[in-house]
């Protein structure tokens, strides 16, 4: 009797290979929801920063005198699922007309994909225009 040359995989080897491949594919597929959640979180942060920046630019463009006419205090509005809140306060350090700054704070609150709340905030200072050689 001669030895037969058997090439190829046995049924057990094929079954083990299929199980290893299936486990690899399952572990990779578990990453897709994580990637989707991270993308949604990034979109939320980006949109919140964009809304805060837009509102901050609108307030700063008003200038010191217009902000002074608005007085100190807070206001807010809801844009889609984002709550934009801005506050104006005065920082005075002397008796002169130009011894003050307006502090403008802008905060955007939004709901995360997990159902929690996050905040993004910006703060800037606006000074009065100095005229008359001073």
N, C-alpha and C. Protein backbone atom coordinates (compact mmCIF):
# COMPACT_ATOMS: atom_id res chain seq x y z
N UNK A 1 0.83 -1.18 0.00
CA UNK A 1 0.00 0.00 0.00
C UNK A 1 0.87 1.23 0.00
N UNK A 2 0.52 2.15 -0.87
CA UNK A 2 1.26 3.39 -0.95
C UNK A 2 0.57 4.51 -0.17
N UNK A 3 1.34 5.50 0.14
CA UNK A 3 0.79 6.68 0.82
C UNK A 3 0.08 7.58 -0.19
N UNK A 4 -1.06 8.04 0.22
CA UNK A 4 -1.80 8.97 -0.64
C UNK A 4 -1.44 10.39 -0.29
N UNK A 5 -1.28 11.24 -1.28
CA UNK A 5 -1.00 12.65 -1.05
C UNK A 5 -2.34 13.37 -0.93
N UNK A 6 -2.68 13.75 0.29
CA UNK A 6 -3.94 14.46 0.52
C UNK A 6 -3.62 15.95 0.74
N UNK A 7 -4.10 16.77 -0.15
CA UNK A 7 -3.90 18.21 0.01
C UNK A 7 -5.24 18.87 0.27
N UNK A 8 -5.22 20.05 0.89
CA UNK A 8 -6.45 20.75 1.20
C UNK A 8 -6.71 20.77 2.69
N UNK A 9 -7.86 21.25 3.07
CA UNK A 9 -8.23 21.38 4.47
C UNK A 9 -9.20 20.27 4.85
N UNK A 10 -9.09 19.84 6.08
CA UNK A 10 -10.09 18.90 6.59
C UNK A 10 -11.31 19.71 7.03
N UNK A 11 -12.38 19.02 7.32
CA UNK A 11 -13.61 19.68 7.72
C UNK A 11 -13.41 20.43 9.06
N UNK A 12 -12.64 19.89 9.97
CA UNK A 12 -12.38 20.53 11.27
C UNK A 12 -11.57 21.81 11.07
N UNK A 13 -10.55 21.75 10.24
CA UNK A 13 -9.73 22.94 9.97
C UNK A 13 -10.57 24.04 9.34
N UNK A 14 -11.44 23.68 8.43
CA UNK A 14 -12.32 24.66 7.78
C UNK A 14 -13.27 25.28 8.80
N UNK A 15 -13.82 24.47 9.70
CA UNK A 15 -14.73 24.97 10.72
C UNK A 15 -14.01 25.92 11.67
N UNK A 16 -12.80 25.59 12.10
CA UNK A 16 -12.03 26.46 12.98
C UNK A 16 -11.72 27.78 12.29
N UNK A 17 -11.33 27.73 11.03
CA UNK A 17 -11.04 28.95 10.28
C UNK A 17 -12.27 29.85 10.17
N UNK A 18 -13.43 29.26 9.94
CA UNK A 18 -14.67 30.05 9.83
C UNK A 18 -15.03 30.70 11.16
N UNK A 19 -14.82 30.00 12.27
CA UNK A 19 -15.11 30.55 13.59
C UNK A 19 -14.16 31.73 13.88
N UNK A 20 -12.89 31.59 13.56
CA UNK A 20 -11.92 32.67 13.78
C UNK A 20 -12.30 33.89 12.95
N UNK A 21 -12.65 33.70 11.70
CA UNK A 21 -13.05 34.81 10.82
C UNK A 21 -14.33 35.47 11.35
N UNK A 22 -15.29 34.67 11.79
CA UNK A 22 -16.55 35.22 12.31
C UNK A 22 -16.30 36.06 13.55
N UNK A 23 -15.45 35.58 14.46
CA UNK A 23 -15.14 36.36 15.66
C UNK A 23 -14.44 37.68 15.31
N UNK A 24 -13.55 37.65 14.34
CA UNK A 24 -12.88 38.87 13.90
C UNK A 24 -13.86 39.88 13.32
N UNK A 25 -14.78 39.40 12.50
CA UNK A 25 -15.78 40.30 11.91
C UNK A 25 -16.72 40.88 12.95
N UNK A 26 -17.10 40.06 13.93
CA UNK A 26 -17.97 40.57 15.00
C UNK A 26 -17.28 41.65 15.83
N UNK A 27 -16.00 41.46 16.12
CA UNK A 27 -15.29 42.47 16.91
C UNK A 27 -15.13 43.77 16.12
N UNK A 28 -14.92 43.67 14.83
CA UNK A 28 -14.82 44.87 14.00
C UNK A 28 -16.17 45.57 13.89
N UNK A 29 -17.24 44.80 13.75
CA UNK A 29 -18.57 45.41 13.61
C UNK A 29 -18.99 46.14 14.89
N UNK A 30 -18.42 45.76 16.04
CA UNK A 30 -18.74 46.45 17.29
C UNK A 30 -18.19 47.87 17.31
N UNK A 31 -17.22 48.17 16.46
CA UNK A 31 -16.62 49.51 16.42
C UNK A 31 -17.50 50.52 15.68
N UNK A 32 -18.38 50.07 14.80
CA UNK A 32 -19.19 50.99 14.01
C UNK A 32 -20.11 51.87 14.86
N UNK A 33 -20.83 51.33 15.85
CA UNK A 33 -21.64 52.24 16.68
C UNK A 33 -20.79 53.25 17.45
N UNK A 34 -19.60 52.84 17.90
CA UNK A 34 -18.73 53.78 18.60
C UNK A 34 -18.30 54.92 17.68
N UNK A 35 -17.96 54.59 16.45
CA UNK A 35 -17.57 55.61 15.49
C UNK A 35 -18.72 56.55 15.17
N UNK A 36 -19.92 56.00 15.05
CA UNK A 36 -21.09 56.82 14.76
C UNK A 36 -21.39 57.76 15.92
N UNK A 37 -21.28 57.26 17.14
CA UNK A 37 -21.52 58.10 18.32
C UNK A 37 -20.48 59.21 18.42
N UNK A 38 -19.23 58.87 18.13
CA UNK A 38 -18.16 59.89 18.17
C UNK A 38 -18.40 60.96 17.10
N UNK A 39 -18.86 60.55 15.93
CA UNK A 39 -19.16 61.51 14.86
C UNK A 39 -20.29 62.44 15.29
N UNK A 40 -21.34 61.88 15.89
CA UNK A 40 -22.47 62.70 16.34
C UNK A 40 -22.04 63.66 17.45
N UNK A 41 -21.17 63.19 18.35
CA UNK A 41 -20.67 64.06 19.42
C UNK A 41 -19.87 65.21 18.83
N UNK A 42 -19.04 64.90 17.84
CA UNK A 42 -18.25 65.94 17.18
C UNK A 42 -19.12 66.95 16.46
N UNK A 43 -20.19 66.46 15.82
CA UNK A 43 -21.11 67.37 15.14
C UNK A 43 -21.79 68.30 16.15
N UNK A 44 -22.17 67.76 17.32
CA UNK A 44 -22.82 68.58 18.34
C UNK A 44 -21.90 69.68 18.86
N UNK A 45 -20.66 69.32 19.13
CA UNK A 45 -19.69 70.30 19.63
C UNK A 45 -19.43 71.36 18.57
N UNK A 46 -19.25 70.93 17.33
CA UNK A 46 -18.97 71.87 16.24
C UNK A 46 -20.12 72.85 16.05
N UNK A 47 -21.35 72.36 16.05
CA UNK A 47 -22.51 73.24 15.88
C UNK A 47 -22.66 74.20 17.05
N UNK A 48 -22.41 73.71 18.27
CA UNK A 48 -22.51 74.58 19.45
C UNK A 48 -21.47 75.69 19.40
N UNK A 49 -20.25 75.36 19.03
CA UNK A 49 -19.20 76.38 18.93
C UNK A 49 -19.54 77.38 17.83
N UNK A 50 -20.07 76.88 16.72
CA UNK A 50 -20.45 77.77 15.61
C UNK A 50 -21.54 78.75 16.05
N UNK A 51 -22.56 78.27 16.76
CA UNK A 51 -23.63 79.15 17.24
C UNK A 51 -23.10 80.16 18.26
N UNK A 52 -22.23 79.71 19.16
CA UNK A 52 -21.65 80.63 20.15
C UNK A 52 -20.82 81.70 19.46
N UNK A 53 -20.03 81.31 18.48
CA UNK A 53 -19.19 82.26 17.75
C UNK A 53 -20.04 83.28 16.99
N UNK A 54 -21.11 82.82 16.34
CA UNK A 54 -21.99 83.74 15.61
C UNK A 54 -22.61 84.77 16.54
N UNK A 55 -23.11 84.30 17.68
CA UNK A 55 -23.75 85.22 18.62
C UNK A 55 -22.73 86.20 19.20
N UNK A 56 -21.54 85.70 19.50
CA UNK A 56 -20.49 86.56 20.05
C UNK A 56 -20.12 87.64 19.04
N UNK A 57 -20.00 87.28 17.76
CA UNK A 57 -19.67 88.28 16.73
C UNK A 57 -20.76 89.33 16.63
N UNK A 58 -22.04 88.91 16.73
CA UNK A 58 -23.14 89.88 16.67
C UNK A 58 -23.07 90.86 17.83
N UNK A 59 -22.78 90.36 19.03
CA UNK A 59 -22.72 91.23 20.20
C UNK A 59 -21.53 92.16 20.15
N UNK A 60 -20.37 91.65 19.73
CA UNK A 60 -19.17 92.49 19.67
C UNK A 60 -19.31 93.57 18.60
N UNK A 61 -19.98 93.24 17.49
CA UNK A 61 -20.19 94.23 16.43
C UNK A 61 -21.04 95.39 16.90
N UNK A 62 -21.88 95.19 17.90
CA UNK A 62 -22.70 96.29 18.42
C UNK A 62 -21.83 97.40 18.99
N UNK A 63 -20.69 97.04 19.55
CA UNK A 63 -19.80 98.04 20.13
C UNK A 63 -20.13 98.32 21.58
N UNK A 64 -19.21 99.00 22.23
CA UNK A 64 -19.32 99.27 23.67
C UNK A 64 -20.57 100.09 24.00
N UNK A 65 -20.80 101.15 23.24
CA UNK A 65 -21.92 102.04 23.57
C UNK A 65 -23.27 101.32 23.47
N UNK A 66 -23.45 100.53 22.43
CA UNK A 66 -24.71 99.78 22.29
C UNK A 66 -24.85 98.74 23.38
N UNK A 67 -23.75 98.09 23.73
CA UNK A 67 -23.80 97.13 24.84
C UNK A 67 -24.12 97.84 26.14
N UNK A 68 -23.60 99.06 26.31
CA UNK A 68 -23.89 99.85 27.51
C UNK A 68 -25.37 100.19 27.56
N UNK A 69 -25.97 100.47 26.41
CA UNK A 69 -27.40 100.77 26.36
C UNK A 69 -28.25 99.55 26.70
N UNK A 70 -27.75 98.34 26.38
CA UNK A 70 -28.48 97.13 26.73
C UNK A 70 -28.47 96.88 28.23
N UNK A 71 -27.45 97.41 28.90
CA UNK A 71 -27.33 97.21 30.34
C UNK A 71 -26.75 95.84 30.67
N UNK A 72 -26.54 95.61 31.95
CA UNK A 72 -26.01 94.32 32.39
C UNK A 72 -27.17 93.34 32.54
N UNK A 73 -26.90 92.09 32.25
CA UNK A 73 -27.92 91.06 32.39
C UNK A 73 -27.73 89.95 31.38
N UNK A 74 -28.68 89.04 31.36
CA UNK A 74 -28.59 87.88 30.48
C UNK A 74 -29.84 87.76 29.62
N UNK A 75 -29.69 87.07 28.52
CA UNK A 75 -30.80 86.77 27.63
C UNK A 75 -30.49 85.45 26.96
N UNK A 76 -31.49 84.82 26.38
CA UNK A 76 -31.24 83.54 25.71
C UNK A 76 -32.28 83.30 24.64
N UNK A 77 -31.96 82.36 23.77
CA UNK A 77 -32.93 81.89 22.79
C UNK A 77 -32.54 80.48 22.39
N UNK A 78 -33.51 79.74 21.89
CA UNK A 78 -33.29 78.36 21.48
C UNK A 78 -33.23 78.31 19.97
N UNK A 79 -32.16 77.73 19.46
CA UNK A 79 -31.99 77.54 18.01
C UNK A 79 -31.91 76.04 17.79
N UNK A 80 -32.95 75.49 17.19
CA UNK A 80 -33.10 74.04 17.04
C UNK A 80 -32.97 73.39 18.42
N UNK A 81 -32.04 72.51 18.64
CA UNK A 81 -31.91 71.82 19.94
C UNK A 81 -30.82 72.47 20.81
N UNK A 82 -30.40 73.68 20.47
CA UNK A 82 -29.32 74.35 21.17
C UNK A 82 -29.85 75.58 21.89
N UNK A 83 -29.54 75.71 23.17
CA UNK A 83 -29.94 76.90 23.93
C UNK A 83 -28.74 77.83 23.99
N UNK A 84 -28.90 79.02 23.40
CA UNK A 84 -27.83 80.01 23.36
C UNK A 84 -28.16 81.08 24.41
N UNK A 85 -27.26 81.24 25.38
CA UNK A 85 -27.45 82.22 26.45
C UNK A 85 -26.26 83.16 26.47
N UNK A 86 -26.53 84.45 26.51
CA UNK A 86 -25.44 85.42 26.58
C UNK A 86 -25.69 86.38 27.72
N UNK A 87 -24.61 86.78 28.34
CA UNK A 87 -24.66 87.70 29.49
C UNK A 87 -23.69 88.85 29.25
N UNK A 88 -24.10 90.01 29.68
CA UNK A 88 -23.26 91.20 29.58
C UNK A 88 -23.10 91.77 30.98
N UNK A 89 -21.87 92.03 31.37
CA UNK A 89 -21.62 92.65 32.66
C UNK A 89 -20.53 93.70 32.48
N UNK A 90 -20.44 94.59 33.44
CA UNK A 90 -19.48 95.69 33.37
C UNK A 90 -18.42 95.50 34.44
N UNK A 91 -17.19 95.69 34.02
CA UNK A 91 -16.05 95.63 34.94
C UNK A 91 -15.50 97.06 35.03
N UNK A 92 -15.73 97.72 36.18
CA UNK A 92 -15.25 99.10 36.38
C UNK A 92 -14.08 99.08 37.35
N UNK A 93 -13.07 99.87 37.08
CA UNK A 93 -11.93 99.94 37.99
C UNK A 93 -11.55 101.38 38.33
N UNK A 94 -12.29 102.33 37.83
CA UNK A 94 -11.98 103.72 38.15
C UNK A 94 -13.18 104.62 37.89
N UNK A 95 -13.05 105.90 38.23
CA UNK A 95 -14.18 106.83 38.09
C UNK A 95 -14.35 107.37 36.67
N UNK A 96 -13.35 107.19 35.79
CA UNK A 96 -13.42 107.79 34.46
C UNK A 96 -14.36 107.06 33.52
N UNK A 97 -14.70 107.76 32.43
CA UNK A 97 -15.57 107.20 31.41
C UNK A 97 -14.96 105.96 30.77
N UNK A 98 -13.66 105.95 30.63
CA UNK A 98 -13.00 104.86 29.92
C UNK A 98 -12.40 103.82 30.87
N UNK A 99 -12.76 103.91 32.14
CA UNK A 99 -12.24 102.97 33.12
C UNK A 99 -13.22 101.81 33.32
N UNK A 100 -13.65 101.21 32.23
CA UNK A 100 -14.59 100.10 32.33
C UNK A 100 -14.47 99.21 31.08
N UNK A 101 -14.83 97.98 31.26
CA UNK A 101 -14.91 97.02 30.15
C UNK A 101 -16.27 96.33 30.22
N UNK A 102 -16.77 95.94 29.08
CA UNK A 102 -17.96 95.10 29.04
C UNK A 102 -17.48 93.66 28.88
N UNK A 103 -17.93 92.79 29.76
CA UNK A 103 -17.60 91.37 29.67
C UNK A 103 -18.80 90.67 29.03
N UNK A 104 -18.56 90.07 27.88
CA UNK A 104 -19.61 89.37 27.15
C UNK A 104 -19.34 87.87 27.24
N UNK A 105 -20.28 87.14 27.83
CA UNK A 105 -20.15 85.70 27.96
C UNK A 105 -21.28 85.04 27.18
N UNK A 106 -20.92 84.04 26.40
CA UNK A 106 -21.87 83.36 25.53
C UNK A 106 -21.75 81.87 25.81
N UNK A 107 -22.86 81.24 26.19
CA UNK A 107 -22.86 79.81 26.52
C UNK A 107 -23.91 79.10 25.68
N UNK A 108 -23.54 77.97 25.09
CA UNK A 108 -24.48 77.16 24.32
C UNK A 108 -24.59 75.80 25.00
N UNK A 109 -25.81 75.40 25.33
CA UNK A 109 -26.09 74.11 25.95
C UNK A 109 -26.81 73.24 24.93
N UNK A 110 -26.40 71.97 24.86
CA UNK A 110 -27.04 71.05 23.92
C UNK A 110 -27.08 69.65 24.51
N UNK A 111 -27.91 68.80 23.91
CA UNK A 111 -28.07 67.43 24.37
C UNK A 111 -27.12 66.53 23.59
N UNK A 112 -26.39 65.68 24.31
CA UNK A 112 -25.45 64.76 23.68
C UNK A 112 -26.20 63.52 23.17
N UNK A 113 -25.57 62.73 22.30
CA UNK A 113 -26.22 61.50 21.82
C UNK A 113 -26.60 60.54 22.95
N UNK A 114 -25.89 60.59 24.07
CA UNK A 114 -26.20 59.72 25.20
C UNK A 114 -27.32 60.25 26.08
N UNK A 115 -27.85 61.43 25.77
CA UNK A 115 -28.95 62.00 26.54
C UNK A 115 -28.52 62.99 27.62
N UNK A 116 -27.23 63.22 27.78
CA UNK A 116 -26.75 64.20 28.75
C UNK A 116 -26.70 65.60 28.16
N UNK A 117 -26.26 66.54 28.95
CA UNK A 117 -26.13 67.93 28.51
C UNK A 117 -24.67 68.33 28.51
N UNK A 118 -24.29 69.11 27.52
CA UNK A 118 -22.93 69.68 27.46
C UNK A 118 -23.05 71.16 27.23
N UNK A 119 -22.01 71.89 27.66
CA UNK A 119 -21.98 73.34 27.48
C UNK A 119 -20.68 73.72 26.79
N UNK A 120 -20.79 74.72 25.94
CA UNK A 120 -19.64 75.33 25.29
C UNK A 120 -19.76 76.82 25.57
N UNK A 121 -18.67 77.44 25.99
CA UNK A 121 -18.74 78.85 26.33
C UNK A 121 -17.60 79.68 25.77
N UNK A 122 -17.91 80.93 25.49
CA UNK A 122 -16.93 81.91 25.02
C UNK A 122 -17.06 83.16 25.88
N UNK A 123 -15.96 83.82 26.12
CA UNK A 123 -15.96 85.09 26.86
C UNK A 123 -15.04 86.07 26.15
N UNK A 124 -15.47 87.31 26.06
CA UNK A 124 -14.62 88.36 25.49
C UNK A 124 -14.86 89.65 26.26
N UNK A 125 -13.96 90.59 26.06
CA UNK A 125 -14.04 91.90 26.71
C UNK A 125 -14.12 92.96 25.63
N UNK A 126 -15.03 93.93 25.82
CA UNK A 126 -15.21 95.02 24.86
C UNK A 126 -14.90 96.31 25.60
N UNK A 127 -14.02 97.13 25.00
CA UNK A 127 -13.65 98.39 25.64
C UNK A 127 -14.27 99.55 24.88
N UNK A 128 -14.46 100.67 25.56
CA UNK A 128 -15.00 101.85 24.87
C UNK A 128 -13.94 102.43 23.93
N UNK A 129 -14.43 103.07 22.86
CA UNK A 129 -13.49 103.74 21.95
C UNK A 129 -13.01 105.02 22.62
N UNK A 130 -11.74 105.21 22.59
CA UNK A 130 -11.16 106.41 23.19
C UNK A 130 -11.00 107.46 22.10
N UNK A 131 -11.60 108.63 22.31
CA UNK A 131 -11.50 109.69 21.32
C UNK A 131 -11.03 110.98 22.00
N UNK A 132 -10.77 111.97 21.22
CA UNK A 132 -10.38 113.27 21.76
C UNK A 132 -8.95 113.30 22.26
N UNK A 133 -8.08 112.49 21.66
CA UNK A 133 -6.67 112.51 22.04
C UNK A 133 -6.36 111.80 23.33
N UNK A 134 -7.34 111.15 23.90
CA UNK A 134 -7.08 110.48 25.18
C UNK A 134 -6.79 109.03 25.00
